[in-house]
Amino acid sequence: MNLTELENKMKKFGEMYYIIIPDKGHLVWRYGTGDNVEIFDIEAYKKRQGVGKELFRMLIGELGENPPHAIFAFVGDDNTDVQKFYKVLGFDISHELDHLYRYGARLVSASYKKVKKL
């Protein structure tokens, strides 16, 4: 494999994708290895109004033609509201990963098949 071929192979893993609902919220994601999608940031500017679920549904819509095997994110161990949000969506929450963030984190993950029905 030459450098150009290697760069082409790795290109999709370095690209970030954005879903923005003006004045409501945003979701930032990328493709990961293992046929996964990693959510980097999801934020509803006004909480508990369904914006997070709407953003997640938009992500599922974008992935529809080429669905991944799973979707995952890392959440601060002390960020229990976000952990509850992911749990409502059908994600599993791992034990604390104290070596990942300075203040501890958890892996949240779900198979695409499990969460695509949301």
PDB file of N, CA and C in Angstrom:
ATOM      1  N   MET A   1       0.856  -1.178   0.000  1.00  0.00           N
ATOM      2  CA  MET A   1       0.000   0.000   0.000  1.00  0.00           C
ATOM      3  C   MET A   1       0.897   1.234   0.000  1.00  0.00           C
ATOM      4  N   ASN A   2       0.588   2.176  -0.852  1.00  0.00           N
ATOM      5  CA  ASN A   2       1.379   3.401  -0.872  1.00  0.00           C
ATOM      6  C   ASN A   2       0.694   4.468  -0.016  1.00  0.00           C
ATOM      7  N   LEU A   3       1.344   5.612   0.147  1.00  0.00           N
ATOM      8  CA  LEU A   3       0.841   6.673   1.013  1.00  0.00           C
ATOM      9  C   LEU A   3      -0.529   7.183   0.560  1.00  0.00           C
ATOM     10  N   THR A   4      -0.735   7.355  -0.705  1.00  0.00           N
ATOM     11  CA  THR A   4      -2.017   7.845  -1.213  1.00  0.00           C
ATOM     12  C   THR A   4      -3.135   6.862  -0.882  1.00  0.00           C
ATOM     13  N   GLU A   5      -2.892   5.582  -1.062  1.00  0.00           N
ATOM     14  CA  GLU A   5      -3.896   4.571  -0.739  1.00  0.00           C
ATOM     15  C   GLU A   5      -4.208   4.555   0.762  1.00  0.00           C
ATOM     16  N   LEU A   6      -3.157   4.687   1.563  1.00  0.00           N
ATOM     17  CA  LEU A   6      -3.343   4.709   3.017  1.00  0.00           C
ATOM     18  C   LEU A   6      -4.132   5.949   3.446  1.00  0.00           C
ATOM     19  N   GLU A   7      -3.814   7.087   2.871  1.00  0.00           N
ATOM     20  CA  GLU A   7      -4.552   8.313   3.192  1.00  0.00           C
ATOM     21  C   GLU A   7      -6.024   8.181   2.805  1.00  0.00           C
ATOM     22  N   ASN A   8      -6.294   7.592   1.648  1.00  0.00           N
ATOM     23  CA  ASN A   8      -7.681   7.389   1.218  1.00  0.00           C
ATOM     24  C   ASN A   8      -8.421   6.445   2.161  1.00  0.00           C
ATOM     25  N   LYS A   9      -7.737   5.406   2.613  1.00  0.00           N
ATOM     26  CA  LYS A   9      -8.336   4.444   3.538  1.00  0.00           C
ATOM     27  C   LYS A   9      -8.708   5.102   4.871  1.00  0.00           C
ATOM     28  N   MET A  10      -7.874   6.016   5.345  1.00  0.00           N
ATOM     29  CA  MET A  10      -8.063   6.636   6.660  1.00  0.00           C
ATOM     30  C   MET A  10      -8.883   7.914   6.617  1.00  0.00           C
ATOM     31  N   LYS A  11      -9.154   8.437   5.438  1.00  0.00           N
ATOM     32  CA  LYS A  11      -9.808   9.737   5.298  1.00  0.00           C
ATOM     33  C   LYS A  11     -11.122   9.839   6.065  1.00  0.00           C
ATOM     34  N   LYS A  12     -11.970   8.854   5.942  1.00  0.00           N
ATOM     35  CA  LYS A  12     -13.286   8.967   6.568  1.00  0.00           C
ATOM     36  C   LYS A  12     -13.211   9.017   8.095  1.00  0.00           C
ATOM     37  N   PHE A  13     -12.140   8.500   8.684  1.00  0.00           N
ATOM     38  CA  PHE A  13     -12.035   8.501  10.142  1.00  0.00           C
ATOM     39  C   PHE A  13     -11.635   9.865  10.694  1.00  0.00           C
ATOM     40  N   GLY A  14     -11.113  10.739   9.849  1.00  0.00           N
ATOM     41  CA  GLY A  14     -10.700  12.062  10.299  1.00  0.00           C
ATOM     42  C   GLY A  14     -11.731  13.145  10.053  1.00  0.00           C
ATOM     43  N   GLU A  15     -12.765  12.831   9.311  1.00  0.00           N
ATOM     44  CA  GLU A  15     -13.774  13.834   8.987  1.00  0.00           C
ATOM     45  C   GLU A  15     -14.831  13.900  10.086  1.00  0.00           C
ATOM     46  N   MET A  16     -15.199  15.125  10.447  1.00  0.00           N
ATOM     47  CA  MET A  16     -16.252  15.357  11.432  1.00  0.00           C
ATOM     48  C   MET A  16     -17.514  15.782  10.693  1.00  0.00           C
ATOM     49  N   TYR A  17     -18.653  15.352  11.201  1.00  0.00           N
ATOM     50  CA  TYR A  17     -19.941  15.686  10.607  1.00  0.00           C
ATOM     51  C   TYR A  17     -20.780  16.420  11.651  1.00  0.00           C
ATOM     52  N   TYR A  18     -21.586  17.358  11.186  1.00  0.00           N
ATOM     53  CA  TYR A  18     -22.322  18.235  12.086  1.00  0.00           C
ATOM     54  C   TYR A  18     -23.807  18.238  11.734  1.00  0.00           C
ATOM     55  N   ILE A  19     -24.621  18.160  12.761  1.00  0.00           N
ATOM     56  CA  ILE A  19     -26.061  18.349  12.623  1.00  0.00           C
ATOM     57  C   ILE A  19     -26.397  19.522  13.537  1.00  0.00           C
ATOM     58  N   ILE A  20     -26.985  20.543  12.964  1.00  0.00           N
ATOM     59  CA  ILE A  20     -27.299  21.747  13.738  1.00  0.00           C
ATOM     60  C   ILE A  20     -28.769  22.096  13.530  1.00  0.00           C
ATOM     61  N   ILE A  21     -29.453  22.304  14.624  1.00  0.00           N
ATOM     62  CA  ILE A  21     -30.794  22.867  14.584  1.00  0.00           C
ATOM     63  C   ILE A  21     -30.635  24.274  15.163  1.00  0.00           C
ATOM     64  N   PRO A  22     -30.702  25.299  14.325  1.00  0.00           N
ATOM     65  CA  PRO A  22     -30.446  26.660  14.800  1.00  0.00           C
ATOM     66  C   PRO A  22     -31.250  27.016  16.054  1.00  0.00           C
ATOM     67  N   ASP A  23     -30.557  27.583  17.004  1.00  0.00           N
ATOM     68  CA  ASP A  23     -31.136  28.036  18.275  1.00  0.00           C
ATOM     69  C   ASP A  23     -31.683  26.912  19.152  1.00  0.00           C
ATOM     70  N   LYS A  24     -31.480  25.656  18.745  1.00  0.00           N
ATOM     71  CA  LYS A  24     -31.985  24.538  19.548  1.00  0.00           C
ATOM     72  C   LYS A  24     -30.880  23.605  20.033  1.00  0.00           C
ATOM     73  N   GLY A  25     -29.934  23.225  19.138  1.00  0.00           N
ATOM     74  CA  GLY A  25     -28.899  22.298  19.556  1.00  0.00           C
ATOM     75  C   GLY A  25     -28.048  21.809  18.409  1.00  0.00           C
ATOM     76  N   HIS A  26     -27.069  20.967  18.750  1.00  0.00           N
ATOM     77  CA  HIS A  26     -26.168  20.415  17.730  1.00  0.00           C
ATOM     78  C   HIS A  26     -25.700  19.023  18.134  1.00  0.00           C
ATOM     79  N   LEU A  27     -25.224  18.286  17.138  1.00  0.00           N
ATOM     80  CA  LEU A  27     -24.641  16.958  17.334  1.00  0.00           C
ATOM     81  C   LEU A  27     -23.441  16.856  16.413  1.00  0.00           C
ATOM     82  N   VAL A  28     -22.300  16.427  16.954  1.00  0.00           N
ATOM     83  CA  VAL A  28     -21.068  16.269  16.184  1.00  0.00           C
ATOM     84  C   VAL A  28     -20.673  14.802  16.246  1.00  0.00           C
ATOM     85  N   TRP A  29     -20.377  14.206  15.090  1.00  0.00           N
ATOM     86  CA  TRP A  29     -20.059  12.780  15.051  1.00  0.00           C
ATOM     87  C   TRP A  29     -19.019  12.492  13.975  1.00  0.00           C
ATOM     88  N   ARG A  30     -18.488  11.267  14.020  1.00  0.00           N
ATOM     89  CA  ARG A  30     -17.560  10.799  12.991  1.00  0.00           C
ATOM     90  C   ARG A  30     -17.637   9.283  12.895  1.00  0.00           C
ATOM     91  N   TYR A  31     -17.125   8.776  11.789  1.00  0.00           N
ATOM     92  CA  TYR A  31     -17.009   7.326  11.629  1.00  0.00           C
ATOM     93  C   TYR A  31     -15.820   6.845  12.441  1.00  0.00           C
ATOM     94  N   GLY A  32     -15.973   5.701  13.092  1.00  0.00           N
ATOM     95  CA  GLY A  32     -14.893   5.086  13.838  1.00  0.00           C
ATOM     96  C   GLY A  32     -14.526   3.751  13.222  1.00  0.00           C
ATOM     97  N   THR A  33     -13.440   3.203  13.680  1.00  0.00           N
ATOM     98  CA  THR A  33     -13.032   1.887  13.195  1.00  0.00           C
ATOM     99  C   THR A  33     -14.030   0.841  13.690  1.00  0.00           C
ATOM    100  N   GLY A  34     -14.039  -0.309  13.059  1.00  0.00           N
ATOM    101  CA  GLY A  34     -14.951  -1.372  13.471  1.00  0.00           C
ATOM    102  C   GLY A  34     -16.368  -1.142  12.999  1.00  0.00           C
ATOM    103  N   ASP A  35     -16.539  -0.301  11.989  1.00  0.00           N
ATOM    104  CA  ASP A  35     -17.864   0.004  11.442  1.00  0.00           C
ATOM    105  C   ASP A  35     -18.772   0.600  12.507  1.00  0.00           C
ATOM    106  N   ASN A  36     -18.236   1.579  13.235  1.00  0.00           N
ATOM    107  CA  ASN A  36     -18.962   2.262  14.290  1.00  0.00           C
ATOM    108  C   ASN A  36     -19.069   3.750  13.996  1.00  0.00           C
ATOM    109  N   VAL A  37     -19.935   4.415  14.731  1.00  0.00           N
ATOM    110  CA  VAL A  37     -20.052   5.872  14.699  1.00  0.00           C
ATOM    111  C   VAL A  37     -19.831   6.368  16.118  1.00  0.00           C
ATOM    112  N   GLU A  38     -18.997   7.395  16.253  1.00  0.00           N
ATOM    113  CA  GLU A  38     -18.726   7.992  17.552  1.00  0.00           C
ATOM    114  C   GLU A  38     -19.381   9.361  17.631  1.00  0.00           C
ATOM    115  N   ILE A  39     -20.178   9.560  18.655  1.00  0.00           N
ATOM    116  CA  ILE A  39     -20.754  10.872  18.921  1.00  0.00           C
ATOM    117  C   ILE A  39     -19.746  11.641  19.767  1.00  0.00           C
ATOM    118  N   PHE A  40     -19.304  12.784  19.255  1.00  0.00           N
ATOM    119  CA  PHE A  40     -18.344  13.616  19.975  1.00  0.00           C
ATOM    120  C   PHE A  40     -19.025  14.603  20.894  1.00  0.00           C
ATOM    121  N   ASP A  41     -20.128  15.173  20.443  1.00  0.00           N
ATOM    122  CA  ASP A  41     -20.795  16.186  21.249  1.00  0.00           C
ATOM    123  C   ASP A  41     -22.259  16.250  20.834  1.00  0.00           C
ATOM    124  N   ILE A  42     -23.110  16.257  21.815  1.00  0.00           N
ATOM    125  CA  ILE A  42     -24.531  16.482  21.561  1.00  0.00           C
ATOM    126  C   ILE A  42     -24.995  17.441  22.640  1.00  0.00           C
ATOM    127  N   GLU A  43     -25.658  18.496  22.208  1.00  0.00           N
ATOM    128  CA  GLU A  43     -26.109  19.488  23.178  1.00  0.00           C
ATOM    129  C   GLU A  43     -27.426  20.107  22.731  1.00  0.00           C
ATOM    130  N   ALA A  44     -28.388  20.068  23.630  1.00  0.00           N
ATOM    131  CA  ALA A  44     -29.642  20.796  23.456  1.00  0.00           C
ATOM    132  C   ALA A  44     -29.473  22.089  24.240  1.00  0.00           C
ATOM    133  N   TYR A  45     -29.674  23.211  23.582  1.00  0.00           N
ATOM    134  CA  TYR A  45     -29.462  24.501  24.240  1.00  0.00           C
ATOM    135  C   TYR A  45     -30.511  24.775  25.310  1.00  0.00           C
ATOM    136  N   LYS A  46     -31.704  24.202  25.141  1.00  0.00           N
ATOM    137  CA  LYS A  46     -32.744  24.248  26.163  1.00  0.00           C
ATOM    138  C   LYS A  46     -33.092  22.800  26.491  1.00  0.00           C
ATOM    139  N   LYS A  47     -32.902  22.437  27.732  1.00  0.00           N
ATOM    140  CA  LYS A  47     -33.050  21.039  28.153  1.00  0.00           C
ATOM    141  C   LYS A  47     -34.501  20.610  28.261  1.00  0.00           C
ATOM    142  N   ARG A  48     -34.690  19.303  28.135  1.00  0.00           N
ATOM    143  CA  ARG A  48     -35.978  18.628  28.351  1.00  0.00           C
ATOM    144  C   ARG A  48     -37.097  19.139  27.446  1.00  0.00           C
ATOM    145  N   GLN A  49     -36.743  19.393  26.187  1.00  0.00           N
ATOM    146  CA  GLN A  49     -37.745  19.801  25.204  1.00  0.00           C
ATOM    147  C   GLN A  49     -37.735  18.891  23.980  1.00  0.00           C
ATOM    148  N   GLY A  50     -37.048  17.751  24.076  1.00  0.00           N
ATOM    149  CA  GLY A  50     -37.026  16.785  22.977  1.00  0.00           C
ATOM    150  C   GLY A  50     -35.991  17.060  21.896  1.00  0.00           C
ATOM    151  N   VAL A  51     -35.161  18.073  22.101  1.00  0.00           N
ATOM    152  CA  VAL A  51     -34.177  18.433  21.075  1.00  0.00           C
ATOM    153  C   VAL A  51     -33.113  17.350  20.931  1.00  0.00           C
ATOM    154  N   GLY A  52     -32.658  16.787  22.032  1.00  0.00           N
ATOM    155  CA  GLY A  52     -31.652  15.727  21.974  1.00  0.00           C
ATOM    156  C   GLY A  52     -32.141  14.538  21.165  1.00  0.00           C
ATOM    157  N   LYS A  53     -33.362  14.120  21.410  1.00  0.00           N
ATOM    158  CA  LYS A  53     -33.937  13.010  20.640  1.00  0.00           C
ATOM    159  C   LYS A  53     -34.089  13.379  19.174  1.00  0.00           C
ATOM    160  N   GLU A  54     -34.476  14.613  18.910  1.00  0.00           N
ATOM    161  CA  GLU A  54     -34.614  15.069  17.527  1.00  0.00           C
ATOM    162  C   GLU A  54     -33.260  15.029  16.813  1.00  0.00           C
ATOM    163  N   LEU A  55     -32.214  15.485  17.481  1.00  0.00           N
ATOM    164  CA  LEU A  55     -30.870  15.429  16.899  1.00  0.00           C
ATOM    165  C   LEU A  55     -30.457  13.988  16.630  1.00  0.00           C
ATOM    166  N   PHE A  56     -30.749  13.109  17.584  1.00  0.00           N
ATOM    167  CA  PHE A  56     -30.389  11.706  17.421  1.00  0.00           C
ATOM    168  C   PHE A  56     -31.154  11.079  16.259  1.00  0.00           C
ATOM    169  N   ARG A  57     -32.431  11.400  16.121  1.00  0.00           N
ATOM    170  CA  ARG A  57     -33.221  10.901  14.983  1.00  0.00           C
ATOM    171  C   ARG A  57     -32.644  11.398  13.657  1.00  0.00           C
ATOM    172  N   MET A  58     -32.175  12.640  13.643  1.00  0.00           N
ATOM    173  CA  MET A  58     -31.564  13.181  12.426  1.00  0.00           C
ATOM    174  C   MET A  58     -30.285  12.412  12.089  1.00  0.00           C
ATOM    175  N   LEU A  59     -29.503  12.052  13.118  1.00  0.00           N
ATOM    176  CA  LEU A  59     -28.301  11.242  12.897  1.00  0.00           C
ATOM    177  C   LEU A  59     -28.688   9.897  12.297  1.00  0.00           C
ATOM    178  N   ILE A  60     -29.677   9.239  12.857  1.00  0.00           N
ATOM    179  CA  ILE A  60     -30.129   7.947  12.335  1.00  0.00           C
ATOM    180  C   ILE A  60     -30.548   8.098  10.877  1.00  0.00           C
ATOM    181  N   GLY A  61     -31.224   9.189  10.559  1.00  0.00           N
ATOM    182  CA  GLY A  61     -31.626   9.447   9.181  1.00  0.00           C
ATOM    183  C   GLY A  61     -30.447   9.587   8.239  1.00  0.00           C
ATOM    184  N   GLU A  62     -29.405  10.259   8.697  1.00  0.00           N
ATOM    185  CA  GLU A  62     -28.207  10.421   7.867  1.00  0.00           C
ATOM    186  C   GLU A  62     -27.465   9.108   7.669  1.00  0.00           C
ATOM    187  N   LEU A  63     -27.547   8.216   8.627  1.00  0.00           N
ATOM    188  CA  LEU A  63     -26.829   6.948   8.559  1.00  0.00           C
ATOM    189  C   LEU A  63     -27.616   5.868   7.831  1.00  0.00           C
ATOM    190  N   GLY A  64     -28.858   6.141   7.498  1.00  0.00           N
ATOM    191  CA  GLY A  64     -29.769   5.144   6.953  1.00  0.00           C
ATOM    192  C   GLY A  64     -29.279   4.374   5.748  1.00  0.00           C
ATOM    193  N   GLU A  65     -28.603   5.030   4.811  1.00  0.00           N
ATOM    194  CA  GLU A  65     -28.173   4.344   3.596  1.00  0.00           C
ATOM    195  C   GLU A  65     -26.952   3.462   3.811  1.00  0.00           C
ATOM    196  N   ASN A  66     -26.134   3.798   4.795  1.00  0.00           N
ATOM    197  CA  ASN A  66     -24.931   3.024   5.082  1.00  0.00           C
ATOM    198  C   ASN A  66     -24.803   2.888   6.599  1.00  0.00           C
ATOM    199  N   PRO A  67     -25.694   2.118   7.224  1.00  0.00           N
ATOM    200  CA  PRO A  67     -25.723   2.086   8.680  1.00  0.00           C
ATOM    201  C   PRO A  67     -24.483   1.432   9.287  1.00  0.00           C
ATOM    202  N   PRO A  68     -24.058   1.946  10.434  1.00  0.00           N
ATOM    203  CA  PRO A  68     -22.924   1.348  11.138  1.00  0.00           C
ATOM    204  C   PRO A  68     -23.384   0.130  11.939  1.00  0.00           C
ATOM    205  N   HIS A  69     -22.437  -0.555  12.501  1.00  0.00           N
ATOM    206  CA  HIS A  69     -22.758  -1.667  13.397  1.00  0.00           C
ATOM    207  C   HIS A  69     -23.242  -1.127  14.749  1.00  0.00           C
ATOM    208  N   ALA A  70     -22.581  -0.068  15.241  1.00  0.00           N
ATOM    209  CA  ALA A  70     -22.904   0.464  16.567  1.00  0.00           C
ATOM    210  C   ALA A  70     -22.629   1.963  16.615  1.00  0.00           C
ATOM    211  N   ILE A  71     -23.184   2.584  17.633  1.00  0.00           N
ATOM    212  CA  ILE A  71     -22.959   3.999  17.915  1.00  0.00           C
ATOM    213  C   ILE A  71     -22.458   4.076  19.354  1.00  0.00           C
ATOM    214  N   PHE A  72     -21.446   4.916  19.587  1.00  0.00           N
ATOM    215  CA  PHE A  72     -20.919   5.036  20.942  1.00  0.00           C
ATOM    216  C   PHE A  72     -20.487   6.460  21.239  1.00  0.00           C
ATOM    217  N   ALA A  73     -20.304   6.737  22.531  1.00  0.00           N
ATOM    218  CA  ALA A  73     -19.815   8.031  23.001  1.00  0.00           C
ATOM    219  C   ALA A  73     -19.176   7.812  24.365  1.00  0.00           C
ATOM    220  N   PHE A  74     -18.398   8.787  24.779  1.00  0.00           N
ATOM    221  CA  PHE A  74     -17.866   8.796  26.131  1.00  0.00           C
ATOM    222  C   PHE A  74     -18.527   9.933  26.886  1.00  0.00           C
ATOM    223  N   VAL A  75     -18.908   9.666  28.139  1.00  0.00           N
ATOM    224  CA  VAL A  75     -19.607  10.643  28.962  1.00  0.00           C
ATOM    225  C   VAL A  75     -18.877  10.752  30.287  1.00  0.00           C
ATOM    226  N   GLY A  76     -18.710  11.966  30.769  1.00  0.00           N
ATOM    227  CA  GLY A  76     -18.096  12.162  32.077  1.00  0.00           C
ATOM    228  C   GLY A  76     -18.835  11.377  33.142  1.00  0.00           C
ATOM    229  N   ASP A  77     -18.085  10.786  34.055  1.00  0.00           N
ATOM    230  CA  ASP A  77     -18.696   9.955  35.094  1.00  0.00           C
ATOM    231  C   ASP A  77     -19.694  10.736  35.936  1.00  0.00           C
ATOM    232  N   ASP A  78     -19.448  12.016  36.131  1.00  0.00           N
ATOM    233  CA  ASP A  78     -20.335  12.831  36.952  1.00  0.00           C
ATOM    234  C   ASP A  78     -21.500  13.435  36.163  1.00  0.00           C
ATOM    235  N   ASN A  79     -21.566  13.195  34.870  1.00  0.00           N
ATOM    236  CA  ASN A  79     -22.608  13.772  34.022  1.00  0.00           C
ATOM    237  C   ASN A  79     -23.803  12.815  33.945  1.00  0.00           C
ATOM    238  N   THR A  80     -24.483  12.680  35.055  1.00  0.00           N
ATOM    239  CA  THR A  80     -25.558  11.687  35.152  1.00  0.00           C
ATOM    240  C   THR A  80     -26.766  12.037  34.285  1.00  0.00           C
ATOM    241  N   ASP A  81     -27.026  13.318  34.047  1.00  0.00           N
ATOM    242  CA  ASP A  81     -28.151  13.694  33.182  1.00  0.00           C
ATOM    243  C   ASP A  81     -27.939  13.165  31.766  1.00  0.00           C
ATOM    244  N   VAL A  82     -26.732  13.287  31.251  1.00  0.00           N
ATOM    245  CA  VAL A  82     -26.448  12.800  29.894  1.00  0.00           C
ATOM    246  C   VAL A  82     -26.472  11.268  29.871  1.00  0.00           C
ATOM    247  N   GLN A  83     -25.998  10.639  30.919  1.00  0.00           N
ATOM    248  CA  GLN A  83     -26.068   9.186  30.991  1.00  0.00           C
ATOM    249  C   GLN A  83     -27.522   8.721  30.964  1.00  0.00           C
ATOM    250  N   LYS A  84     -28.406   9.403  31.673  1.00  0.00           N
ATOM    251  CA  LYS A  84     -29.835   9.064  31.667  1.00  0.00           C
ATOM    252  C   LYS A  84     -30.422   9.251  30.263  1.00  0.00           C
ATOM    253  N   PHE A  85     -30.019  10.332  29.582  1.00  0.00           N
ATOM    254  CA  PHE A  85     -30.481  10.594  28.224  1.00  0.00           C
ATOM    255  C   PHE A  85     -30.135   9.422  27.308  1.00  0.00           C
ATOM    256  N   TYR A  86     -28.878   8.990  27.343  1.00  0.00           N
ATOM    257  CA  TYR A  86     -28.470   7.864  26.496  1.00  0.00           C
ATOM    258  C   TYR A  86     -29.207   6.583  26.881  1.00  0.00           C
ATOM    259  N   LYS A  87     -29.427   6.372  28.161  1.00  0.00           N
ATOM    260  CA  LYS A  87     -30.142   5.168  28.612  1.00  0.00           C
ATOM    261  C   LYS A  87     -31.574   5.153  28.050  1.00  0.00           C
ATOM    262  N   VAL A  88     -32.240   6.315  28.043  1.00  0.00           N
ATOM    263  CA  VAL A  88     -33.582   6.422  27.472  1.00  0.00           C
ATOM    264  C   VAL A  88     -33.561   6.073  25.984  1.00  0.00           C
ATOM    265  N   LEU A  89     -32.473   6.400  25.300  1.00  0.00           N
ATOM    266  CA  LEU A  89     -32.351   6.091  23.874  1.00  0.00           C
ATOM    267  C   LEU A  89     -32.062   4.612  23.625  1.00  0.00           C
ATOM    268  N   GLY A  90     -31.721   3.871  24.673  1.00  0.00           N
ATOM    269  CA  GLY A  90     -31.455   2.442  24.520  1.00  0.00           C
ATOM    270  C   GLY A  90     -29.989   2.065  24.590  1.00  0.00           C
ATOM    271  N   PHE A  91     -29.139   2.994  24.993  1.00  0.00           N
ATOM    272  CA  PHE A  91     -27.706   2.727  25.097  1.00  0.00           C
ATOM    273  C   PHE A  91     -27.395   1.997  26.391  1.00  0.00           C
ATOM    274  N   ASP A  92     -26.338   1.196  26.355  1.00  0.00           N
ATOM    275  CA  ASP A  92     -25.799   0.575  27.558  1.00  0.00           C
ATOM    276  C   ASP A  92     -24.736   1.510  28.127  1.00  0.00           C
ATOM    277  N   ILE A  93     -24.622   1.535  29.450  1.00  0.00           N
ATOM    278  CA  ILE A  93     -23.658   2.390  30.133  1.00  0.00           C
ATOM    279  C   ILE A  93     -22.620   1.484  30.791  1.00  0.00           C
ATOM    280  N   SER A  94     -21.350   1.744  30.494  1.00  0.00           N
ATOM    281  CA  SER A  94     -20.283   0.909  31.056  1.00  0.00           C
ATOM    282  C   SER A  94     -19.981   1.302  32.502  1.00  0.00           C
ATOM    283  N   HIS A  95     -19.134   0.512  33.115  1.00  0.00           N
ATOM    284  CA  HIS A  95     -18.596   0.882  34.420  1.00  0.00           C
ATOM    285  C   HIS A  95     -17.679   2.095  34.233  1.00  0.00           C
ATOM    286  N   GLU A  96     -17.283   2.722  35.318  1.00  0.00           N
ATOM    287  CA  GLU A  96     -16.431   3.902  35.223  1.00  0.00           C
ATOM    288  C   GLU A  96     -15.067   3.544  34.617  1.00  0.00           C
ATOM    289  N   LEU A  97     -14.631   4.375  33.693  1.00  0.00           N
ATOM    290  CA  LEU A  97     -13.304   4.235  33.087  1.00  0.00           C
ATOM    291  C   LEU A  97     -12.438   5.355  33.665  1.00  0.00           C
ATOM    292  N   ASP A  98     -11.858   5.113  34.831  1.00  0.00           N
ATOM    293  CA  ASP A  98     -11.159   6.192  35.530  1.00  0.00           C
ATOM    294  C   ASP A  98      -9.876   6.627  34.845  1.00  0.00           C
ATOM    295  N   HIS A  99      -9.396   5.857  33.911  1.00  0.00           N
ATOM    296  CA  HIS A  99      -8.152   6.210  33.220  1.00  0.00           C
ATOM    297  C   HIS A  99      -8.390   6.984  31.921  1.00  0.00           C
ATOM    298  N   LEU A 100      -9.641   7.170  31.521  1.00  0.00           N
ATOM    299  CA  LEU A 100      -9.925   7.799  30.240  1.00  0.00           C
ATOM    300  C   LEU A 100      -9.962   9.319  30.332  1.00  0.00           C
ATOM    301  N   TYR A 101     -10.717   9.870  31.259  1.00  0.00           N
ATOM    302  CA  TYR A 101     -10.762  11.316  31.500  1.00  0.00           C
ATOM    303  C   TYR A 101     -10.112  11.566  32.848  1.00  0.00           C
ATOM    304  N   ARG A 102      -9.636  12.753  33.075  1.00  0.00           N
ATOM    305  CA  ARG A 102      -9.027  13.080  34.379  1.00  0.00           C
ATOM    306  C   ARG A 102     -10.017  12.867  35.526  1.00  0.00           C
ATOM    307  N   TYR A 103     -11.288  13.087  35.236  1.00  0.00           N
ATOM    308  CA  TYR A 103     -12.310  12.993  36.281  1.00  0.00           C
ATOM    309  C   TYR A 103     -13.192  11.765  36.126  1.00  0.00           C
ATOM    310  N   GLY A 104     -12.817  10.814  35.276  1.00  0.00           N
ATOM    311  CA  GLY A 104     -13.584   9.584  35.093  1.00  0.00           C
ATOM    312  C   GLY A 104     -14.597   9.713  33.973  1.00  0.00           C
ATOM    313  N   ALA A 105     -14.872   8.617  33.307  1.00  0.00           N
ATOM    314  CA  ALA A 105     -15.805   8.612  32.179  1.00  0.00           C
ATOM    315  C   ALA A 105     -16.498   7.263  32.104  1.00  0.00           C
ATOM    316  N   ARG A 106     -17.526   7.232  31.286  1.00  0.00           N
ATOM    317  CA  ARG A 106     -18.235   5.993  30.993  1.00  0.00           C
ATOM    318  C   ARG A 106     -18.422   5.900  29.488  1.00  0.00           C
ATOM    319  N   LEU A 107     -18.356   4.696  28.988  1.00  0.00           N
ATOM    320  CA  LEU A 107     -18.655   4.424  27.588  1.00  0.00           C
ATOM    321  C   LEU A 107     -20.144   4.154  27.494  1.00  0.00           C
ATOM    322  N   VAL A 108     -20.813   4.839  26.574  1.00  0.00           N
ATOM    323  CA  VAL A 108     -22.210   4.535  26.283  1.00  0.00           C
ATOM    324  C   VAL A 108     -22.235   3.989  24.865  1.00  0.00           C
ATOM    325  N   SER A 109     -22.918   2.880  24.672  1.00  0.00           N
ATOM    326  CA  SER A 109     -22.902   2.244  23.355  1.00  0.00           C
ATOM    327  C   SER A 109     -24.184   1.469  23.118  1.00  0.00           C
ATOM    328  N   ALA A 110     -24.506   1.346  21.829  1.00  0.00           N
ATOM    329  CA  ALA A 110     -25.692   0.583  21.444  1.00  0.00           C
ATOM    330  C   ALA A 110     -25.514   0.105  20.016  1.00  0.00           C
ATOM    331  N   SER A 111     -26.079  -1.038  19.722  1.00  0.00           N
ATOM    332  CA  SER A 111     -26.077  -1.492  18.327  1.00  0.00           C
ATOM    333  C   SER A 111     -26.993  -0.577  17.541  1.00  0.00           C
ATOM    334  N   TYR A 112     -26.666  -0.372  16.283  1.00  0.00           N
ATOM    335  CA  TYR A 112     -27.506   0.464  15.417  1.00  0.00           C
ATOM    336  C   TYR A 112     -28.906  -0.133  15.325  1.00  0.00           C
ATOM    337  N   LYS A 113     -28.983  -1.453  15.208  1.00  0.00           N
ATOM    338  CA  LYS A 113     -30.295  -2.113  15.108  1.00  0.00           C
ATOM    339  C   LYS A 113     -31.184  -1.788  16.301  1.00  0.00           C
ATOM    340  N   LYS A 114     -30.576  -1.676  17.470  1.00  0.00           N
ATOM    341  CA  LYS A 114     -31.339  -1.423  18.693  1.00  0.00           C
ATOM    342  C   LYS A 114     -31.892   0.003  18.738  1.00  0.00           C
ATOM    343  N   VAL A 115     -31.115   0.978  18.266  1.00  0.00           N
ATOM    344  CA  VAL A 115     -31.522   2.382  18.440  1.00  0.00           C
ATOM    345  C   VAL A 115     -32.129   3.016  17.193  1.00  0.00           C
ATOM    346  N   LYS A 116     -32.091   2.334  16.062  1.00  0.00           N
ATOM    347  CA  LYS A 116     -32.588   2.946  14.831  1.00  0.00           C
ATOM    348  C   LYS A 116     -34.105   3.155  14.850  1.00  0.00           C
ATOM    349  N   LYS A 117     -34.805   2.476  15.737  1.00  0.00           N
ATOM    350  CA  LYS A 117     -36.269   2.550  15.797  1.00  0.00           C
ATOM    351  C   LYS A 117     -36.781   3.749  16.566  1.00  0.00           C
ATOM    352  N   LEU A 118     -35.892   4.490  17.160  1.00  0.00           N
ATOM    353  CA  LEU A 118     -36.283   5.627  17.989  1.00  0.00           C
ATOM    354  C   LEU A 118     -37.095   6.646  17.233  1.00  0.00           C
TER     355      LEU A 118
END
